[in-house]
Amino acid sequence: MINAAERKRMQRQRDKEAGITTITLRLDSQEMAMLLEGCAERRIARQPYDVTEYLIGLIRQDNKLLCKQLADLRKSSCGKCGDTLPGDPRGCCMQGDSACWQTSGYKRLMLSTL
């Protein structure tokens, strides 16, 4: 018979082989309330999403948005160096110049905390 510790070890091994990562998240009471509200309000008249399902959905939704934003940006180039936007991910040598897209344009990709 397999004990609880052995079952847990086997589960961790299966997760590792499947490329699954466990993340610990620290939320204050207000953030937790917002999370639970989102889980419930996004599934009106049904069982609320569980927290993991909801967070995975948000990650996937944001990734779709990011891919669309990047595709739109790639249709343009920087007014200073001419690189296709958003430019070098390590930073442009012209960054800081007001004509360089990376000086302030990067804000278009930032998450909104409204």
C-alpha atoms as a PDB file:
ATOM      1  CA  MET A   1       0.000   0.000   0.000  1.00  0.00           C
ATOM      2  CA  ILE A   2       1.270   3.481  -0.935  1.00  0.00           C
ATOM      3  CA  ASN A   3       1.308   6.117   1.822  1.00  0.00           C
ATOM      4  CA  ALA A   4       0.385   9.800   1.402  1.00  0.00           C
ATOM      5  CA  ALA A   5       4.005  10.968   1.171  1.00  0.00           C
ATOM      6  CA  GLU A   6       4.745   8.478  -1.618  1.00  0.00           C
ATOM      7  CA  ARG A   7       1.574   9.485  -3.523  1.00  0.00           C
ATOM      8  CA  LYS A   8       2.606  13.140  -3.232  1.00  0.00           C
ATOM      9  CA  ARG A   9       6.123  12.366  -4.461  1.00  0.00           C
ATOM     10  CA  MET A  10       4.684  10.472  -7.435  1.00  0.00           C
ATOM     11  CA  GLN A  11       2.319  13.376  -8.217  1.00  0.00           C
ATOM     12  CA  ARG A  12       5.216  15.855  -8.133  1.00  0.00           C
ATOM     13  CA  GLN A  13       7.153  13.596 -10.503  1.00  0.00           C
ATOM     14  CA  ARG A  14       4.197  13.378 -12.927  1.00  0.00           C
ATOM     15  CA  ASP A  15       3.811  17.168 -12.789  1.00  0.00           C
ATOM     16  CA  LYS A  16       7.524  17.641 -13.482  1.00  0.00           C
ATOM     17  CA  GLU A  17       7.387  15.289 -16.464  1.00  0.00           C
ATOM     18  CA  ALA A  18       4.333  17.158 -17.789  1.00  0.00           C
ATOM     19  CA  GLY A  19       6.074  20.541 -17.407  1.00  0.00           C
ATOM     20  CA  ILE A  20       3.647  21.736 -14.726  1.00  0.00           C
ATOM     21  CA  THR A  21       4.880  24.462 -12.381  1.00  0.00           C
ATOM     22  CA  THR A  22       3.316  25.285  -9.031  1.00  0.00           C
ATOM     23  CA  ILE A  23       3.190  28.967  -8.105  1.00  0.00           C
ATOM     24  CA  THR A  24       2.532  30.408  -4.662  1.00  0.00           C
ATOM     25  CA  LEU A  25       0.648  33.696  -4.747  1.00  0.00           C
ATOM     26  CA  ARG A  26       0.372  36.203  -1.910  1.00  0.00           C
ATOM     27  CA  LEU A  27      -2.748  38.387  -1.996  1.00  0.00           C
ATOM     28  CA  ASP A  28      -4.081  40.905   0.478  1.00  0.00           C
ATOM     29  CA  SER A  29      -7.714  40.648   1.546  1.00  0.00           C
ATOM     30  CA  GLN A  30      -8.891  43.184  -1.051  1.00  0.00           C
ATOM     31  CA  GLU A  31      -7.116  41.363  -3.900  1.00  0.00           C
ATOM     32  CA  MET A  32      -8.523  38.022  -2.724  1.00  0.00           C
ATOM     33  CA  ALA A  33     -12.024  39.504  -2.651  1.00  0.00           C
ATOM     34  CA  MET A  34     -11.542  40.800  -6.223  1.00  0.00           C
ATOM     35  CA  LEU A  35     -10.294  37.376  -7.319  1.00  0.00           C
ATOM     36  CA  LEU A  36     -13.278  35.574  -5.820  1.00  0.00           C
ATOM     37  CA  GLU A  37     -15.653  38.181  -7.280  1.00  0.00           C
ATOM     38  CA  GLY A  38     -14.167  37.594 -10.736  1.00  0.00           C
ATOM     39  CA  CYS A  39     -14.496  33.824 -10.320  1.00  0.00           C
ATOM     40  CA  ALA A  40     -18.191  34.213  -9.515  1.00  0.00           C
ATOM     41  CA  GLU A  41     -19.215  37.111 -11.766  1.00  0.00           C
ATOM     42  CA  ARG A  42     -17.615  35.612 -14.869  1.00  0.00           C
ATOM     43  CA  ARG A  43     -19.846  32.531 -14.462  1.00  0.00           C
ATOM     44  CA  ILE A  44     -23.254  34.006 -13.590  1.00  0.00           C
ATOM     45  CA  ALA A  45     -25.913  31.347 -12.923  1.00  0.00           C
ATOM     46  CA  ARG A  46     -23.245  28.628 -12.831  1.00  0.00           C
ATOM     47  CA  GLN A  47     -20.689  27.335 -10.375  1.00  0.00           C
ATOM     48  CA  PRO A  48     -17.921  29.949 -10.017  1.00  0.00           C
ATOM     49  CA  TYR A  49     -14.587  29.244 -11.664  1.00  0.00           C
ATOM     50  CA  ASP A  50     -12.116  27.774  -9.246  1.00  0.00           C
ATOM     51  CA  VAL A  51      -9.208  30.137  -8.606  1.00  0.00           C
ATOM     52  CA  THR A  52      -6.706  28.177 -10.697  1.00  0.00           C
ATOM     53  CA  GLU A  53      -9.087  27.889 -13.668  1.00  0.00           C
ATOM     54  CA  TYR A  54      -9.834  31.634 -13.486  1.00  0.00           C
ATOM     55  CA  LEU A  55      -6.167  32.669 -13.311  1.00  0.00           C
ATOM     56  CA  ILE A  56      -5.223  30.349 -16.179  1.00  0.00           C
ATOM     57  CA  GLY A  57      -8.055  31.894 -18.219  1.00  0.00           C
ATOM     58  CA  LEU A  58      -6.760  35.394 -17.500  1.00  0.00           C
ATOM     59  CA  ILE A  59      -3.222  34.404 -18.495  1.00  0.00           C
ATOM     60  CA  ARG A  60      -4.450  32.916 -21.775  1.00  0.00           C
ATOM     61  CA  GLN A  61      -6.705  35.921 -22.471  1.00  0.00           C
ATOM     62  CA  ASP A  62      -3.850  38.368 -21.839  1.00  0.00           C
ATOM     63  CA  ASN A  63      -1.502  36.345 -24.039  1.00  0.00           C
ATOM     64  CA  LYS A  64      -3.968  36.618 -26.949  1.00  0.00           C
ATOM     65  CA  LEU A  65      -4.184  40.375 -26.402  1.00  0.00           C
ATOM     66  CA  LEU A  66      -0.392  40.693 -26.186  1.00  0.00           C
ATOM     67  CA  CYS A  67       0.105  38.745 -29.430  1.00  0.00           C
ATOM     68  CA  LYS A  68      -2.398  41.037 -31.197  1.00  0.00           C
ATOM     69  CA  GLN A  69      -0.735  44.167 -29.797  1.00  0.00           C
ATOM     70  CA  LEU A  70       2.717  42.969 -30.875  1.00  0.00           C
ATOM     71  CA  ALA A  71       1.457  42.085 -34.368  1.00  0.00           C
ATOM     72  CA  ASP A  72      -0.014  45.590 -34.694  1.00  0.00           C
ATOM     73  CA  LEU A  73       3.210  47.204 -33.452  1.00  0.00           C
ATOM     74  CA  ARG A  74       5.332  45.196 -35.898  1.00  0.00           C
ATOM     75  CA  LYS A  75       3.616  47.072 -38.728  1.00  0.00           C
ATOM     76  CA  SER A  76       5.470  50.225 -37.614  1.00  0.00           C
ATOM     77  CA  SER A  77       9.018  51.275 -36.903  1.00  0.00           C
ATOM     78  CA  CYS A  78      10.823  53.543 -34.460  1.00  0.00           C
ATOM     79  CA  GLY A  79      11.110  57.175 -35.507  1.00  0.00           C
ATOM     80  CA  LYS A  80      14.674  57.357 -34.188  1.00  0.00           C
ATOM     81  CA  CYS A  81      16.508  54.135 -35.141  1.00  0.00           C
ATOM     82  CA  GLY A  82      14.063  52.676 -37.671  1.00  0.00           C
ATOM     83  CA  ASP A  83      13.837  49.282 -35.952  1.00  0.00           C
ATOM     84  CA  THR A  84      10.571  47.383 -36.309  1.00  0.00           C
ATOM     85  CA  LEU A  85       8.550  47.921 -33.146  1.00  0.00           C
ATOM     86  CA  PRO A  86       8.722  47.137 -30.304  1.00  0.00           C
ATOM     87  CA  GLY A  87      12.471  47.083 -30.963  1.00  0.00           C
ATOM     88  CA  ASP A  88      15.236  45.175 -29.224  1.00  0.00           C
ATOM     89  CA  PRO A  89      13.822  43.473 -26.101  1.00  0.00           C
ATOM     90  CA  ARG A  90      17.105  44.193 -24.272  1.00  0.00           C
ATOM     91  CA  GLY A  91      16.607  47.919 -24.873  1.00  0.00           C
ATOM     92  CA  CYS A  92      17.465  50.262 -27.690  1.00  0.00           C
ATOM     93  CA  CYS A  93      20.728  52.250 -27.667  1.00  0.00           C
ATOM     94  CA  MET A  94      18.572  55.323 -28.427  1.00  0.00           C
ATOM     95  CA  GLN A  95      16.254  54.758 -25.460  1.00  0.00           C
ATOM     96  CA  GLY A  96      15.893  57.992 -23.550  1.00  0.00           C
ATOM     97  CA  ASP A  97      15.749  60.120 -26.697  1.00  0.00           C
ATOM     98  CA  SER A  98      12.253  61.574 -27.099  1.00  0.00           C
ATOM     99  CA  ALA A  99      12.065  60.269 -30.703  1.00  0.00           C
ATOM    100  CA  CYS A 100      12.847  56.683 -29.631  1.00  0.00           C
ATOM    101  CA  TRP A 101       9.712  54.537 -29.362  1.00  0.00           C
ATOM    102  CA  GLN A 102      11.085  52.665 -26.356  1.00  0.00           C
ATOM    103  CA  THR A 103      11.371  55.901 -24.369  1.00  0.00           C
ATOM    104  CA  SER A 104       7.605  56.101 -23.840  1.00  0.00           C
ATOM    105  CA  GLY A 105       5.871  53.840 -26.363  1.00  0.00           C
ATOM    106  CA  TYR A 106       6.524  50.779 -24.213  1.00  0.00           C
ATOM    107  CA  LYS A 107       3.675  51.998 -22.009  1.00  0.00           C
ATOM    108  CA  ARG A 108       1.253  50.768 -24.694  1.00  0.00           C
ATOM    109  CA  LEU A 109       2.174  47.198 -23.721  1.00  0.00           C
ATOM    110  CA  MET A 110       2.009  47.664 -19.958  1.00  0.00           C
ATOM    111  CA  LEU A 111      -0.842  46.165 -17.967  1.00  0.00           C
ATOM    112  CA  SER A 112      -3.499  48.664 -16.988  1.00  0.00           C
ATOM    113  CA  THR A 113      -4.317  48.788 -13.278  1.00  0.00           C
ATOM    114  CA  LEU A 114      -7.389  50.974 -13.627  1.00  0.00           C
END
